[in-house]
Amino acid sequence: MAPRRNNKYETDVELPPRGPVEALVYWRDPKKSGIVFGGIMVVLLSLSFFSFISVVANLSLLALTAAFGFRIYKTVQQAIQKTSDGHPFKEILELDLTLPAEKVRSTSDLAVTHINAVVSELRRLFLVEDFIDSVKFGVGLWMLTYVGSWFNGMTLIILGVVALFTLPKVYETNKAQIDQNIELVAGKVNEITAKVRAAIPIGKKAEEKKEQ
């Protein structure tokens, strides 16, 4: 007979292994996620007020000063304690930072595949291969004109980073409710799209050409 659980939240289902990026955005380790999120936000906010060169130079100078201070501190400590621990950054200096050629090739091939897919899709939308899809694309572009008038590029990047570190966790916590609402909205959109396609002859012709 299997032992009974004392905790109602215990389960036999194990969470799937998470990649490092996924673990960060899902806040598996709040300390690491907080450090990464805070560091990115500091850099982005600095770039919104200062030039890229100034931000890079000042952050590099800060890192170099910290490394100098730590190196001097460890050297003095070793001299006082008469130890020979070696260079304090020995483990980092011995790390292999070379990029694997196979990884670079596979990443390049994947990027080229995505670029080709995007170019083909844009050609299809701009040349109105499908009337409804091009109309939806035009509405999206029209909405982007308002977004561009409200926010600049750096603000959008900052909002994107905030969303990256908040929305996945919110979705994971409220997955059932969010999925239900998304299904309702998607159903309404598909219903309206089907009615529009049925009413517009151009949409029918495009579909007939695809079937042929």
C-alpha atoms as a PDB file:
ATOM      1  CA  MET A   1       0.000   0.000   0.000  1.00  0.00           C
ATOM      2  CA  ALA A   2       1.436   3.373  -1.012  1.00  0.00           C
ATOM      3  CA  PRO A   3       2.106   5.843   1.805  1.00  0.00           C
ATOM      4  CA  ARG A   4      -0.438   8.605   2.192  1.00  0.00           C
ATOM      5  CA  ARG A   5       0.650  12.166   1.648  1.00  0.00           C
ATOM      6  CA  ASN A   6       0.564  14.542   4.572  1.00  0.00           C
ATOM      7  CA  ASN A   7       0.633  17.610   2.361  1.00  0.00           C
ATOM      8  CA  LYS A   8      -2.286  18.153  -0.016  1.00  0.00           C
ATOM      9  CA  TYR A   9      -0.012  20.030  -2.445  1.00  0.00           C
ATOM     10  CA  GLU A  10       2.369  17.104  -2.936  1.00  0.00           C
ATOM     11  CA  THR A  11       2.139  15.375  -6.290  1.00  0.00           C
ATOM     12  CA  ASP A  12       3.801  12.572  -8.218  1.00  0.00           C
ATOM     13  CA  VAL A  13       3.969  14.715 -11.371  1.00  0.00           C
ATOM     14  CA  GLU A  14       7.428  16.155 -11.914  1.00  0.00           C
ATOM     15  CA  LEU A  15       7.899  19.481 -13.626  1.00  0.00           C
ATOM     16  CA  PRO A  16       9.671  19.211 -16.994  1.00  0.00           C
ATOM     17  CA  PRO A  17      13.276  20.431 -17.060  1.00  0.00           C
ATOM     18  CA  ARG A  18      13.527  24.135 -17.752  1.00  0.00           C
ATOM     19  CA  GLY A  19      16.131  25.913 -19.831  1.00  0.00           C
ATOM     20  CA  PRO A  20      18.112  28.771 -18.276  1.00  0.00           C
ATOM     21  CA  VAL A  21      16.099  31.507 -20.012  1.00  0.00           C
ATOM     22  CA  GLU A  22      12.782  29.838 -19.227  1.00  0.00           C
ATOM     23  CA  ALA A  23      13.816  29.412 -15.594  1.00  0.00           C
ATOM     24  CA  LEU A  24      14.604  33.138 -15.408  1.00  0.00           C
ATOM     25  CA  VAL A  25      11.328  34.414 -16.887  1.00  0.00           C
ATOM     26  CA  TYR A  26       9.289  31.976 -14.779  1.00  0.00           C
ATOM     27  CA  TRP A  27      11.142  33.078 -11.619  1.00  0.00           C
ATOM     28  CA  ARG A  28      12.180  29.545 -10.585  1.00  0.00           C
ATOM     29  CA  ASP A  29      14.999  31.165  -8.614  1.00  0.00           C
ATOM     30  CA  PRO A  30      13.705  34.618  -7.548  1.00  0.00           C
ATOM     31  CA  LYS A  31      17.192  35.799  -6.590  1.00  0.00           C
ATOM     32  CA  LYS A  32      18.717  35.077 -10.013  1.00  0.00           C
ATOM     33  CA  SER A  33      15.665  36.374 -11.887  1.00  0.00           C
ATOM     34  CA  GLY A  34      15.663  39.560  -9.808  1.00  0.00           C
ATOM     35  CA  ILE A  35      19.361  40.191 -10.488  1.00  0.00           C
ATOM     36  CA  VAL A  36      18.996  39.615 -14.247  1.00  0.00           C
ATOM     37  CA  PHE A  37      15.783  41.637 -14.500  1.00  0.00           C
ATOM     38  CA  GLY A  38      17.225  44.497 -12.431  1.00  0.00           C
ATOM     39  CA  GLY A  39      20.451  44.531 -14.441  1.00  0.00           C
ATOM     40  CA  ILE A  40      18.620  44.641 -17.774  1.00  0.00           C
ATOM     41  CA  MET A  41      16.326  47.413 -16.559  1.00  0.00           C
ATOM     42  CA  VAL A  42      19.266  49.489 -15.297  1.00  0.00           C
ATOM     43  CA  VAL A  43      20.973  49.199 -18.696  1.00  0.00           C
ATOM     44  CA  LEU A  44      17.816  50.026 -20.655  1.00  0.00           C
ATOM     45  CA  LEU A  45      16.892  52.976 -18.433  1.00  0.00           C
ATOM     46  CA  SER A  46      20.455  54.265 -18.740  1.00  0.00           C
ATOM     47  CA  LEU A  47      20.260  54.010 -22.530  1.00  0.00           C
ATOM     48  CA  SER A  48      17.033  56.015 -22.506  1.00  0.00           C
ATOM     49  CA  PHE A  49      18.835  58.959 -20.854  1.00  0.00           C
ATOM     50  CA  PHE A  50      22.434  58.627 -22.074  1.00  0.00           C
ATOM     51  CA  SER A  51      24.188  57.607 -25.278  1.00  0.00           C
ATOM     52  CA  PHE A  52      25.080  53.982 -25.955  1.00  0.00           C
ATOM     53  CA  ILE A  53      28.822  54.726 -25.863  1.00  0.00           C
ATOM     54  CA  SER A  54      28.528  56.507 -22.500  1.00  0.00           C
ATOM     55  CA  VAL A  55      26.547  53.650 -20.953  1.00  0.00           C
ATOM     56  CA  VAL A  56      28.940  50.974 -22.221  1.00  0.00           C
ATOM     57  CA  ALA A  57      32.019  52.953 -21.150  1.00  0.00           C
ATOM     58  CA  ASN A  58      30.695  53.698 -17.657  1.00  0.00           C
ATOM     59  CA  LEU A  59      29.464  50.147 -17.011  1.00  0.00           C
ATOM     60  CA  SER A  60      32.768  48.728 -18.257  1.00  0.00           C
ATOM     61  CA  LEU A  61      34.708  51.161 -16.062  1.00  0.00           C
ATOM     62  CA  LEU A  62      32.564  50.166 -13.078  1.00  0.00           C
ATOM     63  CA  ALA A  63      33.182  46.456 -13.726  1.00  0.00           C
ATOM     64  CA  LEU A  64      36.928  47.042 -14.175  1.00  0.00           C
ATOM     65  CA  THR A  65      37.116  49.043 -10.929  1.00  0.00           C
ATOM     66  CA  ALA A  66      35.276  46.293  -9.046  1.00  0.00           C
ATOM     67  CA  ALA A  67      37.620  43.646 -10.499  1.00  0.00           C
ATOM     68  CA  PHE A  68      40.690  45.706  -9.547  1.00  0.00           C
ATOM     69  CA  GLY A  69      39.407  46.204  -6.007  1.00  0.00           C
ATOM     70  CA  PHE A  70      38.583  42.530  -5.535  1.00  0.00           C
ATOM     71  CA  ARG A  71      41.956  41.442  -6.981  1.00  0.00           C
ATOM     72  CA  ILE A  72      43.871  43.793  -4.652  1.00  0.00           C
ATOM     73  CA  TYR A  73      41.771  42.683  -1.657  1.00  0.00           C
ATOM     74  CA  LYS A  74      42.447  38.979  -2.315  1.00  0.00           C
ATOM     75  CA  THR A  75      46.169  39.631  -2.918  1.00  0.00           C
ATOM     76  CA  VAL A  76      46.519  41.470   0.401  1.00  0.00           C
ATOM     77  CA  GLN A  77      44.504  38.768   2.164  1.00  0.00           C
ATOM     78  CA  GLN A  78      46.747  36.024   0.765  1.00  0.00           C
ATOM     79  CA  ALA A  79      49.869  37.962   1.815  1.00  0.00           C
ATOM     80  CA  ILE A  80      48.589  38.407   5.379  1.00  0.00           C
ATOM     81  CA  GLN A  81      47.391  34.821   5.729  1.00  0.00           C
ATOM     82  CA  LYS A  82      50.429  33.508   3.827  1.00  0.00           C
ATOM     83  CA  THR A  83      48.344  31.368   1.510  1.00  0.00           C
ATOM     84  CA  SER A  84      48.767  30.629  -2.186  1.00  0.00           C
ATOM     85  CA  ASP A  85      45.232  30.405  -3.515  1.00  0.00           C
ATOM     86  CA  GLY A  86      46.280  31.835  -6.856  1.00  0.00           C
ATOM     87  CA  HIS A  87      44.363  34.251  -9.032  1.00  0.00           C
ATOM     88  CA  PRO A  88      40.891  35.050  -7.584  1.00  0.00           C
ATOM     89  CA  PHE A  89      39.337  34.854 -11.042  1.00  0.00           C
ATOM     90  CA  LYS A  90      41.124  31.636 -11.994  1.00  0.00           C
ATOM     91  CA  GLU A  91      37.911  29.652 -12.626  1.00  0.00           C
ATOM     92  CA  ILE A  92      36.501  32.366 -14.890  1.00  0.00           C
ATOM     93  CA  LEU A  93      39.800  32.759 -16.769  1.00  0.00           C
ATOM     94  CA  GLU A  94      39.856  29.026 -17.496  1.00  0.00           C
ATOM     95  CA  LEU A  95      36.321  28.961 -18.924  1.00  0.00           C
ATOM     96  CA  ASP A  96      36.105  28.041 -22.605  1.00  0.00           C
ATOM     97  CA  LEU A  97      34.376  30.972 -24.321  1.00  0.00           C
ATOM     98  CA  THR A  98      34.857  29.819 -27.906  1.00  0.00           C
ATOM     99  CA  LEU A  99      31.695  29.434 -29.967  1.00  0.00           C
ATOM    100  CA  PRO A 100      31.129  25.898 -31.315  1.00  0.00           C
ATOM    101  CA  ALA A 101      31.201  25.965 -35.122  1.00  0.00           C
ATOM    102  CA  GLU A 102      28.287  23.512 -35.384  1.00  0.00           C
ATOM    103  CA  LYS A 103      26.155  25.611 -33.048  1.00  0.00           C
ATOM    104  CA  VAL A 104      26.893  28.753 -35.065  1.00  0.00           C
ATOM    105  CA  ARG A 105      25.985  26.991 -38.325  1.00  0.00           C
ATOM    106  CA  SER A 106      22.738  25.560 -36.936  1.00  0.00           C
ATOM    107  CA  THR A 107      21.764  28.957 -35.511  1.00  0.00           C
ATOM    108  CA  SER A 108      22.555  30.651 -38.829  1.00  0.00           C
ATOM    109  CA  ASP A 109      20.503  28.073 -40.759  1.00  0.00           C
ATOM    110  CA  LEU A 110      17.587  28.560 -38.367  1.00  0.00           C
ATOM    111  CA  ALA A 111      17.813  32.349 -38.716  1.00  0.00           C
ATOM    112  CA  VAL A 112      17.871  32.115 -42.521  1.00  0.00           C
ATOM    113  CA  THR A 113      14.821  29.835 -42.457  1.00  0.00           C
ATOM    114  CA  HIS A 114      12.871  32.304 -40.321  1.00  0.00           C
ATOM    115  CA  ILE A 115      13.969  35.273 -42.466  1.00  0.00           C
ATOM    116  CA  ASN A 116      12.826  33.513 -45.645  1.00  0.00           C
ATOM    117  CA  ALA A 117       9.483  32.679 -44.045  1.00  0.00           C
ATOM    118  CA  VAL A 118       8.989  36.308 -42.947  1.00  0.00           C
ATOM    119  CA  VAL A 119       9.889  37.648 -46.404  1.00  0.00           C
ATOM    120  CA  SER A 120       7.464  35.250 -48.096  1.00  0.00           C
ATOM    121  CA  GLU A 121       4.680  36.156 -45.679  1.00  0.00           C
ATOM    122  CA  LEU A 122       5.246  39.892 -46.145  1.00  0.00           C
ATOM    123  CA  ARG A 123       5.167  39.479 -49.931  1.00  0.00           C
ATOM    124  CA  ARG A 124       1.887  37.603 -49.630  1.00  0.00           C
ATOM    125  CA  LEU A 125       0.362  40.281 -47.408  1.00  0.00           C
ATOM    126  CA  PHE A 126       1.579  43.325 -49.350  1.00  0.00           C
ATOM    127  CA  LEU A 127       0.511  41.883 -52.715  1.00  0.00           C
ATOM    128  CA  VAL A 128      -2.950  40.985 -51.333  1.00  0.00           C
ATOM    129  CA  GLU A 129      -2.825  37.284 -52.117  1.00  0.00           C
ATOM    130  CA  ASP A 130      -5.593  36.854 -49.541  1.00  0.00           C
ATOM    131  CA  PHE A 131      -7.935  39.821 -49.136  1.00  0.00           C
ATOM    132  CA  ILE A 132      -8.886  39.190 -45.473  1.00  0.00           C
ATOM    133  CA  ASP A 133      -5.321  38.550 -44.312  1.00  0.00           C
ATOM    134  CA  SER A 134      -4.122  41.743 -46.015  1.00  0.00           C
ATOM    135  CA  VAL A 135      -6.951  43.745 -44.432  1.00  0.00           C
ATOM    136  CA  LYS A 136      -6.009  42.415 -40.980  1.00  0.00           C
ATOM    137  CA  PHE A 137      -2.374  43.246 -41.716  1.00  0.00           C
ATOM    138  CA  GLY A 138      -3.364  46.787 -42.724  1.00  0.00           C
ATOM    139  CA  VAL A 139      -5.383  47.237 -39.517  1.00  0.00           C
ATOM    140  CA  GLY A 140      -2.364  46.082 -37.549  1.00  0.00           C
ATOM    141  CA  LEU A 141      -0.113  48.584 -39.315  1.00  0.00           C
ATOM    142  CA  TRP A 142      -2.652  51.341 -38.703  1.00  0.00           C
ATOM    143  CA  MET A 143      -2.673  50.499 -34.980  1.00  0.00           C
ATOM    144  CA  LEU A 144       1.138  50.573 -34.957  1.00  0.00           C
ATOM    145  CA  THR A 145       1.072  54.183 -36.187  1.00  0.00           C
ATOM    146  CA  TYR A 146      -0.680  55.121 -32.938  1.00  0.00           C
ATOM    147  CA  VAL A 147       1.699  53.000 -30.866  1.00  0.00           C
ATOM    148  CA  GLY A 148       4.628  54.766 -32.547  1.00  0.00           C
ATOM    149  CA  SER A 149       3.142  58.169 -31.734  1.00  0.00           C
ATOM    150  CA  TRP A 150       2.739  57.231 -28.064  1.00  0.00           C
ATOM    151  CA  PHE A 151       6.025  55.405 -27.409  1.00  0.00           C
ATOM    152  CA  ASN A 152       9.554  55.510 -28.775  1.00  0.00           C
ATOM    153  CA  GLY A 153      11.635  52.444 -29.538  1.00  0.00           C
ATOM    154  CA  MET A 154      13.415  52.302 -26.177  1.00  0.00           C
ATOM    155  CA  THR A 155      10.138  52.563 -24.263  1.00  0.00           C
ATOM    156  CA  LEU A 156       8.744  49.636 -26.264  1.00  0.00           C
ATOM    157  CA  ILE A 157      11.870  47.580 -25.505  1.00  0.00           C
ATOM    158  CA  ILE A 158      11.524  48.346 -21.774  1.00  0.00           C
ATOM    159  CA  LEU A 159       7.841  47.377 -21.856  1.00  0.00           C
ATOM    160  CA  GLY A 160       8.778  44.209 -23.729  1.00  0.00           C
ATOM    161  CA  VAL A 161      11.324  43.231 -21.056  1.00  0.00           C
ATOM    162  CA  VAL A 162       8.799  43.919 -18.281  1.00  0.00           C
ATOM    163  CA  ALA A 163       6.230  41.791 -20.121  1.00  0.00           C
ATOM    164  CA  LEU A 164       8.789  39.005 -20.633  1.00  0.00           C
ATOM    165  CA  PHE A 165       9.449  38.795 -16.894  1.00  0.00           C
ATOM    166  CA  THR A 166       5.803  39.119 -15.789  1.00  0.00           C
ATOM    167  CA  LEU A 167       3.367  37.672 -18.357  1.00  0.00           C
ATOM    168  CA  PRO A 168       4.731  34.081 -18.412  1.00  0.00           C
ATOM    169  CA  LYS A 169       4.418  33.809 -14.627  1.00  0.00           C
ATOM    170  CA  VAL A 170       0.942  35.378 -14.662  1.00  0.00           C
ATOM    171  CA  TYR A 171      -0.136  32.951 -17.386  1.00  0.00           C
ATOM    172  CA  GLU A 172       1.279  29.971 -15.513  1.00  0.00           C
ATOM    173  CA  THR A 173      -0.566  30.995 -12.341  1.00  0.00           C
ATOM    174  CA  ASN A 174      -3.913  31.686 -14.081  1.00  0.00           C
ATOM    175  CA  LYS A 175      -3.616  29.307 -17.049  1.00  0.00           C
ATOM    176  CA  ALA A 176      -7.157  27.866 -16.901  1.00  0.00           C
ATOM    177  CA  GLN A 177      -8.943  31.230 -16.788  1.00  0.00           C
ATOM    178  CA  ILE A 178      -6.710  32.807 -19.458  1.00  0.00           C
ATOM    179  CA  ASP A 179      -7.078  29.841 -21.833  1.00  0.00           C
ATOM    180  CA  GLN A 180     -10.843  29.962 -21.451  1.00  0.00           C
ATOM    181  CA  ASN A 181     -10.986  33.683 -22.297  1.00  0.00           C
ATOM    182  CA  ILE A 182      -8.597  33.242 -25.236  1.00  0.00           C
ATOM    183  CA  GLU A 183     -10.777  30.469 -26.648  1.00  0.00           C
ATOM    184  CA  LEU A 184     -13.851  32.701 -26.406  1.00  0.00           C
ATOM    185  CA  VAL A 185     -12.111  35.608 -28.161  1.00  0.00           C
ATOM    186  CA  ALA A 186     -10.596  33.327 -30.834  1.00  0.00           C
ATOM    187  CA  GLY A 187     -14.014  31.787 -31.470  1.00  0.00           C
ATOM    188  CA  LYS A 188     -15.612  35.216 -31.969  1.00  0.00           C
ATOM    189  CA  VAL A 189     -12.787  36.354 -34.278  1.00  0.00           C
ATOM    190  CA  ASN A 190     -13.019  33.190 -36.374  1.00  0.00           C
ATOM    191  CA  GLU A 191     -16.782  33.563 -36.577  1.00  0.00           C
ATOM    192  CA  ILE A 192     -16.549  37.167 -37.786  1.00  0.00           C
ATOM    193  CA  THR A 193     -13.751  36.292 -40.238  1.00  0.00           C
ATOM    194  CA  ALA A 194     -15.820  33.438 -41.693  1.00  0.00           C
ATOM    195  CA  LYS A 195     -18.801  35.772 -42.201  1.00  0.00           C
ATOM    196  CA  VAL A 196     -16.620  38.386 -43.902  1.00  0.00           C
ATOM    197  CA  ARG A 197     -15.013  35.786 -46.181  1.00  0.00           C
ATOM    198  CA  ALA A 198     -18.451  34.505 -47.142  1.00  0.00           C
ATOM    199  CA  ALA A 199     -19.654  38.015 -47.961  1.00  0.00           C
ATOM    200  CA  ILE A 200     -16.608  39.149 -49.990  1.00  0.00           C
ATOM    201  CA  PRO A 201     -16.144  37.526 -53.417  1.00  0.00           C
ATOM    202  CA  ILE A 202     -12.418  38.342 -53.446  1.00  0.00           C
ATOM    203  CA  GLY A 203     -11.864  36.183 -50.419  1.00  0.00           C
ATOM    204  CA  LYS A 204     -13.699  33.287 -52.112  1.00  0.00           C
ATOM    205  CA  LYS A 205     -11.579  33.550 -55.250  1.00  0.00           C
ATOM    206  CA  ALA A 206      -8.376  33.493 -53.207  1.00  0.00           C
ATOM    207  CA  GLU A 207      -9.540  30.368 -51.392  1.00  0.00           C
ATOM    208  CA  GLU A 208     -10.483  28.667 -54.667  1.00  0.00           C
ATOM    209  CA  LYS A 209      -7.020  29.373 -56.091  1.00  0.00           C
ATOM    210  CA  LYS A 210      -5.376  27.896 -53.001  1.00  0.00           C
ATOM    211  CA  GLU A 211      -7.484  24.731 -53.289  1.00  0.00           C
ATOM    212  CA  GLN A 212      -6.539  24.355 -56.948  1.00  0.00           C
END
